[in-house]
Protein backbone atom coordinates (compact mmCIF):
# COMPACT_ATOMS: atom_id res chain seq x y z
CA MET A 1 28.22 12.88 2.04
CA LYS A 2 24.93 12.20 3.80
CA SER A 3 22.11 14.61 3.11
CA LYS A 4 20.76 16.66 5.99
CA PHE A 5 17.26 15.59 4.93
CA GLN A 6 15.96 12.19 3.87
CA LYS A 7 12.88 11.29 1.86
CA VAL A 8 9.80 10.30 3.87
CA LYS A 9 9.39 6.58 4.51
CA GLY A 10 7.44 4.92 1.74
CA THR A 11 8.28 7.58 -0.88
CA TYR A 12 10.98 7.62 -3.51
CA ASP A 13 12.62 9.78 -6.14
CA ILE A 14 12.28 8.98 -9.85
CA LEU A 15 15.68 9.98 -11.18
CA PRO A 16 17.26 10.15 -14.65
CA PRO A 17 17.55 7.94 -16.61
CA GLU A 18 14.69 5.96 -14.97
CA ILE A 19 12.32 8.87 -15.62
CA GLU A 20 12.71 8.20 -19.36
CA LYS A 21 11.14 4.77 -18.90
CA TRP A 22 8.31 6.32 -16.86
CA ASN A 23 7.62 8.91 -19.56
CA HIS A 24 7.62 6.21 -22.22
CA VAL A 25 5.18 4.03 -20.29
CA ILE A 26 2.87 6.96 -19.51
CA SER A 27 2.89 8.01 -23.17
CA LEU A 28 2.02 4.45 -24.18
CA LEU A 29 -0.85 4.28 -21.67
CA GLN A 30 -2.24 7.60 -22.90
CA SER A 31 -1.95 6.60 -26.55
CA LEU A 32 -3.65 3.22 -26.14
CA SER A 33 -6.44 4.70 -24.01
CA ASN A 34 -7.06 7.38 -26.61
CA SER A 35 -7.16 4.75 -29.35
CA PHE A 36 -10.08 3.12 -27.51
CA GLY A 37 -11.89 6.47 -27.21
CA PHE A 38 -11.06 7.13 -23.54
CA GLU A 39 -10.39 10.70 -22.37
CA GLU A 40 -7.98 11.64 -19.59
CA ILE A 41 -9.19 13.02 -16.25
CA LYS A 42 -7.30 14.58 -13.33
CA THR A 43 -8.80 14.92 -9.85
CA PRO A 44 -7.43 16.72 -6.75
CA ALA A 45 -4.93 14.97 -4.49
CA ILE A 46 -7.20 15.59 -1.48
CA GLU A 47 -10.86 14.69 -1.11
CA ASN A 48 -13.41 14.70 1.67
CA LEU A 49 -12.86 11.69 3.93
CA ASP A 50 -16.51 10.64 3.63
CA LEU A 51 -16.05 10.06 -0.11
CA PHE A 52 -14.02 6.98 0.76
CA LYS A 53 -15.55 6.17 4.13
CA GLN A 54 -19.03 5.83 2.65
CA ASN A 55 -18.24 4.37 -0.77
CA VAL A 56 -15.07 2.28 -0.58
CA GLY A 57 -16.11 0.58 2.65
CA PHE A 58 -14.59 1.86 5.86
CA GLU A 59 -13.55 -1.60 7.03
CA THR A 60 -11.59 -2.36 3.86
CA ASP A 61 -7.79 -2.35 3.86
CA VAL A 62 -7.80 0.73 1.62
CA SER A 63 -9.79 2.82 4.10
CA LYS A 64 -7.73 1.65 7.06
CA GLU A 65 -4.55 2.71 5.25
CA MET A 66 -5.65 6.27 4.47
CA PHE A 67 -3.74 9.42 5.32
CA SER A 68 -6.53 11.55 6.79
CA TRP A 69 -6.78 14.59 9.03
CA GLU A 70 -9.05 17.36 10.26
CA ASP A 71 -8.13 20.83 9.01
CA SER A 72 -8.50 24.17 10.82
CA SER A 73 -12.06 24.53 9.49
CA ASN A 74 -13.08 21.13 10.91
CA ASN A 75 -13.18 19.54 7.45
CA HIS A 76 -12.25 15.85 7.46
CA LEU A 77 -9.92 15.34 4.49
CA ALA A 78 -7.85 12.51 3.04
CA LEU A 79 -5.12 12.00 0.48
CA LYS A 80 -6.88 9.86 -2.09
CA PRO A 81 -6.05 6.14 -1.68
CA GLU A 82 -7.88 5.01 -4.84
CA MET A 83 -9.35 6.65 -7.93
CA THR A 84 -12.76 5.21 -8.78
CA ALA A 85 -14.67 7.13 -6.10
CA PRO A 86 -13.03 10.48 -7.06
CA VAL A 87 -13.74 9.83 -10.76
CA VAL A 88 -17.39 9.06 -10.00
CA ARG A 89 -17.60 12.18 -7.82
CA ALA A 90 -16.28 14.26 -10.74
CA PHE A 91 -18.62 12.46 -13.17
CA ILE A 92 -21.65 13.46 -11.09
CA GLU A 93 -20.46 16.94 -10.13
CA SER A 94 -19.58 17.89 -13.73
CA GLY A 95 -22.91 16.66 -15.10
CA PHE A 96 -21.17 14.24 -17.47
CA TYR A 97 -24.07 11.83 -16.97
CA ARG A 98 -26.12 14.30 -19.06
CA SER A 99 -23.56 15.35 -21.67
CA LYS A 100 -21.78 11.99 -22.03
CA PRO A 101 -24.30 9.13 -21.84
CA LEU A 102 -21.42 6.73 -22.49
CA CYS A 103 -18.52 8.31 -20.61
CA LYS A 104 -15.09 6.73 -21.05
CA LEU A 105 -12.35 8.14 -18.84
CA PHE A 106 -8.79 7.19 -17.93
CA TYR A 107 -6.41 8.54 -15.31
CA ILE A 108 -2.73 8.49 -14.38
CA ASP A 109 -2.23 9.76 -10.86
CA ALA A 110 -0.39 9.54 -7.55
CA LEU A 111 -2.21 7.81 -4.68
CA PHE A 112 -1.42 7.41 -1.01
CA ARG A 113 -1.83 4.52 1.43
CA ARG A 114 -0.20 4.08 4.81
CA GLU A 115 0.79 0.47 4.29
CA LYS A 116 4.03 -1.42 4.75
CA PRO A 117 6.36 -0.41 1.89
CA GLN A 118 7.19 -3.27 -0.46
CA LYS A 119 8.78 -3.76 -3.86
CA GLY A 120 6.53 -2.23 -6.48
CA ARG A 121 4.29 -0.52 -3.92
CA GLN A 122 5.16 2.42 -1.69
CA ARG A 123 3.07 4.75 0.45
CA GLN A 124 2.98 7.17 -2.44
CA PHE A 125 2.42 5.17 -5.58
CA HIS A 126 1.10 5.79 -9.08
CA GLN A 127 -1.88 4.23 -10.74
CA PHE A 128 -3.31 4.01 -14.23
CA GLY A 129 -6.94 3.13 -14.67
CA VAL A 130 -9.95 3.34 -16.95
CA GLU A 131 -13.62 3.82 -16.11
CA ALA A 132 -16.51 3.33 -18.56
CA LEU A 133 -19.76 4.75 -17.20
CA GLY A 134 -23.21 4.36 -18.74
CA CYS A 135 -23.31 0.90 -20.33
CA SER A 136 -24.52 -2.36 -18.76
CA GLU A 137 -23.78 -4.59 -21.75
CA MET A 138 -21.15 -7.33 -21.51
CA GLU A 139 -19.43 -5.91 -24.58
CA GLN A 140 -18.31 -3.02 -22.40
CA ASP A 141 -16.66 -5.44 -19.99
CA VAL A 142 -14.96 -7.10 -22.96
CA GLU A 143 -13.60 -3.79 -24.27
CA ILE A 144 -12.14 -2.99 -20.86
CA ILE A 145 -10.43 -6.39 -20.64
CA LEU A 146 -9.20 -6.10 -24.25
CA LEU A 147 -7.58 -2.74 -23.46
CA ALA A 148 -5.92 -4.25 -20.39
CA THR A 149 -4.44 -7.13 -22.39
CA LYS A 150 -3.19 -4.81 -25.14
CA ILE A 151 -1.40 -2.63 -22.58
CA LEU A 152 0.47 -5.61 -21.15
CA CYS A 153 1.34 -6.79 -24.65
CA GLN A 154 2.68 -3.34 -25.65
CA LEU A 155 4.79 -3.26 -22.48
CA GLY A 156 6.30 -6.64 -23.34
CA ILE A 157 4.88 -8.28 -20.22
CA GLU A 158 4.50 -12.00 -20.94
CA ASN A 159 3.56 -15.08 -18.94
CA THR A 160 0.39 -13.57 -17.50
CA VAL A 161 -2.92 -15.10 -16.54
CA LEU A 162 -6.35 -13.47 -16.66
CA GLN A 163 -8.62 -14.71 -13.90
CA ILE A 164 -12.30 -13.87 -14.11
CA ASN A 165 -15.42 -14.32 -12.02
CA ASN A 166 -18.98 -13.07 -11.59
CA ILE A 167 -19.92 -12.09 -8.03
CA GLY A 168 -23.57 -11.31 -8.83
CA ASN A 169 -25.83 -8.37 -8.11
CA THR A 170 -26.75 -6.99 -4.70
CA ASP A 171 -29.38 -9.65 -3.97
CA THR A 172 -27.15 -12.49 -5.12
CA ARG A 173 -24.24 -11.23 -3.07
CA GLN A 174 -26.43 -10.82 -0.01
CA LEU A 175 -27.61 -14.42 -0.24
CA TYR A 176 -24.09 -15.66 -0.91
CA GLN A 177 -22.65 -13.67 1.98
CA GLU A 178 -25.20 -15.23 4.32
CA LYS A 179 -24.12 -18.71 3.18
CA LEU A 180 -20.46 -17.77 3.51
CA SER A 181 -21.05 -16.36 6.99
CA GLN A 182 -22.66 -19.63 8.08
CA TYR A 183 -19.83 -21.63 6.54
CA PHE A 184 -16.91 -19.60 7.95
CA THR A 185 -18.55 -19.29 11.36
CA SER A 186 -18.20 -23.05 11.72
CA TYR A 187 -14.42 -22.57 11.29
CA LYS A 188 -13.98 -19.55 13.57
CA SER A 189 -11.41 -21.26 15.75
CA GLN A 190 -9.21 -21.99 12.70
CA LEU A 191 -9.41 -18.69 10.82
CA SER A 192 -6.68 -16.05 10.81
CA LYS A 193 -7.21 -12.89 12.81
CA ILE A 194 -7.77 -10.77 9.70
CA SER A 195 -10.39 -13.22 8.41
CA LEU A 196 -12.18 -13.21 11.76
CA ASN A 197 -12.49 -9.43 11.45
CA ARG A 198 -13.80 -9.79 7.90
CA LEU A 199 -16.30 -12.39 9.03
CA GLU A 200 -18.03 -9.74 11.11
CA VAL A 201 -18.01 -7.05 8.40
CA ASN A 202 -17.87 -8.69 4.95
CA PRO A 203 -17.44 -12.49 4.76
CA LEU A 204 -16.97 -12.26 0.99
CA ARG A 205 -13.57 -10.67 1.50
CA ILE A 206 -12.29 -13.74 3.35
CA LEU A 207 -12.00 -15.31 -0.10
CA ASP A 208 -9.27 -12.75 -0.83
CA SER A 209 -7.21 -13.76 2.21
CA LYS A 210 -3.45 -14.11 1.72
CA GLU A 211 -3.04 -15.94 5.05
CA GLU A 212 -1.83 -19.51 4.50
CA MET A 213 -3.88 -20.87 7.42
CA ASP A 214 -7.08 -19.81 5.61
CA PHE A 215 -6.36 -21.48 2.27
CA GLU A 216 -7.75 -24.96 2.96
CA ILE A 217 -10.91 -23.55 4.57
CA ILE A 218 -11.47 -21.20 1.60
CA ASN A 219 -11.01 -24.02 -0.90
CA LYS A 220 -13.97 -25.86 0.62
CA ALA A 221 -16.22 -22.81 0.82
CA PRO A 222 -19.44 -22.57 -1.26
CA MET A 223 -19.02 -21.12 -4.77
CA ILE A 224 -20.96 -18.02 -5.80
CA THR A 225 -21.81 -19.65 -9.15
CA GLU A 226 -24.26 -21.81 -7.20
CA TYR A 227 -26.30 -18.70 -6.35
CA LEU A 228 -26.19 -16.72 -9.61
CA SER A 229 -29.54 -16.08 -11.28
CA LYS A 230 -30.27 -17.42 -14.76
CA GLU A 231 -29.75 -13.94 -16.25
CA GLU A 232 -26.42 -13.53 -14.45
CA LYS A 233 -25.24 -16.90 -15.68
CA ASN A 234 -26.23 -16.00 -19.26
CA ASN A 235 -24.41 -12.67 -19.07
CA TYR A 236 -21.31 -14.35 -17.70
CA SER A 237 -21.43 -16.98 -20.43
CA ASN A 238 -21.83 -14.22 -23.03
CA LEU A 239 -18.76 -12.45 -21.66
CA LEU A 240 -16.63 -15.58 -21.86
CA SER A 241 -17.78 -16.28 -25.44
CA HIS A 242 -16.63 -12.80 -26.48
CA LEU A 243 -13.23 -13.41 -24.88
CA ASP A 244 -12.99 -16.70 -26.75
CA ALA A 245 -13.80 -14.94 -30.03
CA LEU A 246 -10.97 -12.47 -29.39
CA ASN A 247 -8.55 -15.28 -28.48
CA ILE A 248 -8.09 -13.82 -25.01
CA SER A 249 -7.07 -16.66 -22.70
CA TYR A 250 -8.57 -16.75 -19.21
CA GLU A 251 -9.11 -18.90 -16.17
CA GLU A 252 -12.42 -18.93 -14.33
CA ASN A 253 -11.87 -18.37 -10.63
CA GLY A 254 -15.05 -18.69 -8.59
CA ARG A 255 -13.31 -17.30 -5.51
CA LEU A 256 -11.97 -14.11 -7.09
CA VAL A 257 -13.29 -11.01 -5.32
CA ARG A 258 -12.12 -7.43 -5.37
CA GLY A 259 -10.84 -5.61 -2.29
CA LEU A 260 -13.39 -2.78 -2.41
CA ASP A 261 -17.03 -3.04 -1.38
CA TYR A 262 -18.61 -1.41 -4.44
CA TYR A 263 -17.90 -4.20 -6.96
CA ASN A 264 -20.59 -6.46 -8.44
CA SER A 265 -21.03 -8.85 -11.36
CA THR A 266 -17.83 -9.14 -13.45
CA THR A 267 -14.56 -9.15 -11.54
CA PHE A 268 -11.16 -9.88 -13.07
CA GLU A 269 -7.46 -9.77 -12.32
CA ILE A 270 -4.35 -10.22 -14.45
CA SER A 271 -1.22 -11.52 -12.73
CA THR A 272 2.22 -12.64 -13.70
CA ILE A 273 2.91 -16.34 -13.44
CA SER A 274 5.67 -16.29 -10.85
CA SER A 275 6.52 -17.47 -7.35
CA ARG A 276 6.26 -13.95 -5.94
CA SER A 277 3.41 -13.32 -3.52
CA GLN A 278 2.79 -9.82 -4.90
CA ASN A 279 2.29 -10.67 -8.57
CA ALA A 280 -0.99 -8.92 -9.48
CA LEU A 281 -0.58 -6.42 -12.32
CA LEU A 282 -4.09 -5.04 -12.62
CA GLY A 283 -7.63 -5.76 -11.56
CA GLY A 284 -11.13 -4.44 -11.91
CA GLY A 285 -14.75 -5.17 -12.54
CA ARG A 286 -18.26 -3.75 -12.51
CA TYR A 287 -19.63 -1.26 -9.99
CA ASP A 288 -23.18 -0.69 -11.25
CA TYR A 289 -24.53 0.84 -8.03
CA LEU A 290 -21.77 3.25 -7.00
CA VAL A 291 -22.91 6.29 -9.01
CA GLU A 292 -26.43 6.08 -7.63
CA SER A 293 -25.21 5.53 -4.07
CA MET A 294 -23.17 8.75 -4.41
CA GLY A 295 -26.19 10.82 -5.40
CA GLY A 296 -26.07 10.45 -9.18
CA PRO A 297 -28.57 8.73 -11.48
CA SER A 298 -28.60 4.95 -11.88
CA THR A 299 -25.48 4.39 -13.99
CA PRO A 300 -23.84 1.03 -14.75
CA ALA A 301 -20.05 1.18 -14.83
CA VAL A 302 -16.95 -0.95 -15.24
CA GLY A 303 -13.22 -0.32 -15.02
CA PHE A 304 -9.79 -1.50 -13.93
CA ALA A 305 -6.68 -0.11 -12.30
CA ALA A 306 -2.99 -0.97 -12.55
CA GLY A 307 -0.02 0.08 -10.46
CA ILE A 308 2.44 1.88 -12.75
CA GLU A 309 5.43 0.89 -10.60
CA ARG A 310 4.57 -2.77 -11.01
CA LEU A 311 3.98 -2.41 -14.74
CA ILE A 312 7.42 -0.85 -15.13
CA LEU A 313 8.99 -3.50 -12.89
CA GLU A 314 7.59 -6.31 -15.04
CA SER A 315 7.99 -4.65 -18.44
CA ASN A 316 10.68 -5.67 -20.91
CA LEU A 317 11.18 -2.24 -22.42
CA LYS A 318 14.65 -1.48 -23.74
CA LEU A 319 14.82 2.22 -24.46
CA PRO A 320 17.69 3.69 -26.47
CA ASN A 321 20.17 5.84 -24.57
CA LYS A 322 19.02 9.04 -26.21
CA GLY A 323 21.38 11.93 -25.67
CA PRO A 324 21.22 15.57 -26.81
CA ASP A 325 21.78 16.47 -30.45
CA PHE A 326 24.51 18.94 -29.47
CA PHE A 327 26.90 19.21 -26.58
CA ILE A 328 28.00 22.87 -26.54
CA GLY A 329 31.17 24.01 -24.84
CA TYR A 330 33.10 27.26 -24.63
CA GLU A 331 35.74 29.10 -22.66
CA THR A 332 35.12 32.65 -23.93
CA GLY A 333 32.58 34.29 -26.21
CA SER A 334 29.59 32.93 -24.38
CA SER A 335 27.15 35.41 -25.97
CA LYS A 336 27.94 34.12 -29.46
CA ILE A 337 27.65 30.43 -28.56
CA LEU A 338 24.46 30.99 -26.53
CA LYS A 339 22.93 32.73 -29.55
CA ILE A 340 23.75 29.71 -31.72
CA ALA A 341 22.38 27.36 -29.04
CA ASN A 342 19.15 29.37 -28.96
CA GLN A 343 18.83 29.16 -32.75
CA LEU A 344 19.43 25.40 -32.70
CA ILE A 345 16.69 24.95 -30.05
CA ASP A 346 14.30 27.09 -32.15
CA ASN A 347 14.97 24.71 -35.05
CA GLY A 348 13.96 21.68 -33.02
CA PHE A 349 17.35 20.42 -31.85
CA SER A 350 18.21 19.48 -28.26
CA VAL A 351 21.33 20.93 -26.68
CA PHE A 352 23.38 20.52 -23.51
CA ILE A 353 25.37 23.66 -22.67
CA ASP A 354 28.44 23.12 -20.49
CA THR A 355 28.33 26.27 -18.37
CA LEU A 356 31.18 24.96 -16.18
CA LYS A 357 33.67 25.95 -18.93
CA LYS A 358 35.64 22.72 -18.59
CA SER A 359 38.62 21.87 -20.74
CA GLU A 360 38.09 20.58 -24.26
CA LYS A 361 39.28 17.13 -23.21
CA ASN A 362 36.83 16.93 -20.30
CA GLN A 363 34.00 18.36 -22.39
CA THR A 364 34.57 15.69 -25.03
CA LYS A 365 34.43 12.97 -22.38
CA HIS A 366 31.23 14.45 -20.98
CA ALA A 367 29.64 14.70 -24.44
CA ILE A 368 30.40 11.04 -25.16
CA LYS A 369 29.06 10.01 -21.75
CA LEU A 370 25.80 11.84 -22.50
CA ASN A 371 25.63 10.10 -25.90
CA ALA A 372 25.49 13.44 -27.72
CA LYS A 373 25.60 13.31 -31.51
CA TYR A 374 27.74 16.41 -32.03
CA TYR A 375 30.20 18.46 -30.03
CA LEU A 376 30.09 22.18 -30.77
CA ARG A 377 32.88 24.23 -29.21
CA LEU A 378 33.74 27.90 -29.32
CA ASN A 379 37.30 28.98 -28.68
CA ASP A 380 38.93 31.24 -31.26
CA LYS A 381 36.56 29.74 -33.82
CA ILE A 382 33.48 27.50 -33.77
CA MET A 383 34.23 23.83 -34.39
CA LEU A 384 31.60 21.14 -34.97
CA LYS A 385 32.65 17.54 -34.31
CA ASP A 386 30.62 14.47 -35.27
CA LEU A 387 31.17 12.23 -32.24
CA HIS A 388 30.40 9.08 -34.23
CA SER A 389 32.46 9.61 -37.38
CA LYS A 390 35.00 11.83 -35.52
CA LYS A 391 34.94 14.28 -38.45
CA GLU A 392 35.41 17.94 -37.50
CA PHE A 393 34.36 21.10 -39.34
CA GLU A 394 34.61 24.83 -38.81
CA VAL A 395 31.21 26.57 -38.81
CA ASN A 396 30.06 30.15 -38.41
CA SER A 397 26.30 30.00 -37.75
CA ALA A 398 23.35 27.81 -36.87
CA ASN A 399 22.21 27.88 -40.50
CA GLN A 400 25.56 26.53 -41.61
CA ILE A 401 25.23 23.74 -39.04
CA LYS A 402 21.75 22.93 -40.40
CA ASP A 403 23.12 22.83 -43.94
CA TYR A 404 25.87 20.44 -42.86
CA LEU A 405 23.39 18.14 -41.13
CA ALA A 406 21.18 18.13 -44.24
CA LEU A 407 23.98 16.69 -46.35
């Protein structure tokens, strides 16, 4: 039977038993983040449009894909398409820059972008990310990358590659963008339409083009390493030496840029080694000027984000089919059996109560299908059946059931 209503394009339902995998992954992400000293943050689903328009870069793909509107009070609002700007807004607004000089936050949240739905990415999607605000040292970059690699390891995601780059500070990027603009302008007639648009707004983002006709031109473009200052080169070298010491494998990619305008210095991305075009698992980098540009004090920062859908898609988790401790059935005497069920729940057991009052045969089938450990049925008397050993006992109370289980 077809439902009268259908889910909105680009959204999806997370149904049992898939939700069990989601809960497991989210628990793992929370646990690992906590083990590195990161605290969880939640921000509202809606923000002022200018938060993204002014800080993400209004000509980026993210800003163009926003769900935004003007409300009845003439406020321009948007469903948040990314999390770093909202986290920074909360960091400033809460005064964390005073109370937490080194502020380490992580988030797990739903985001929204009006893009073409694809496997592993829908218009409503979920993202995990970490943000470390207050430290400019390369060791902070290393910690962030170490956490990222541990998450992938815990999820059983293998055959990955960490690509890393340094895109310099504001002055370095400005000089490099001028050189890139000169270079790409000489190839205007050969560039893709999207790269032509980027040439006018941010030539650096042409390096991130996924259009095949741009590849050969990009491969011959100047490298940003040619324009890094001595200090930037030393910092980058220091970062790589730390990764070496931790046995974290990486590939240097001088053309790796991030899709948002606020990044500087360290940029990195971890992808699966596969033939799929959409194989990025997570990415991040430094954004040392974003806090100040949003009205806060000068605050260096670094972080990364990962799509939870893609992490789950690539993970090799095999969760046990965990059913309830007790499947409880009855035909009459519901008050008595509900009292026992309540006592079992109070003692930490999980129960599934068959309120449909099916036959004993059908209840047994249902209990086995749910992978329940025990079948408890009230008819003239209360019978407890171990669904694994098939042994059956008469019981009179929840305490007697507990005593049996303790044997």
